[in-house]
Amino acid sequence: MDMRRLVGKNFARLRKARGLTQEQVSDRSGFSQQYLSGLEKGHRNPTVITLFELANCLETTPDEFLRSVKSDTQTDPPPSPVSPPAVR
């Protein structure tokens, strides 16, 4: 999964779990509602500082945005095995 989409899905999940709207997070964090919408859609590439500030707003840690999300409709294929380099 693309890292931007992963962060966006986790941000949306955490926000909703706390019963907050994008507008409420916007008011608390200073990020525009449009930015937060783009983040949730995977259209934004947030900085580490942005993740830190949003995590503080949601009373969590930045690493929560990077956790793997498994859903019933989307599963990532298993990673392909890495073969050793050919010896010549």
Foldseek 3Di string as FASTA:
>chain_A
DDLLQLLLCLLVVLCVVVVHDLVRLCVQQVDDSVVNVCSNVSNDDDDPVSLQSSCVSSVHHSCSSRDDDDDPVDDDDDDDDDDDDDDD
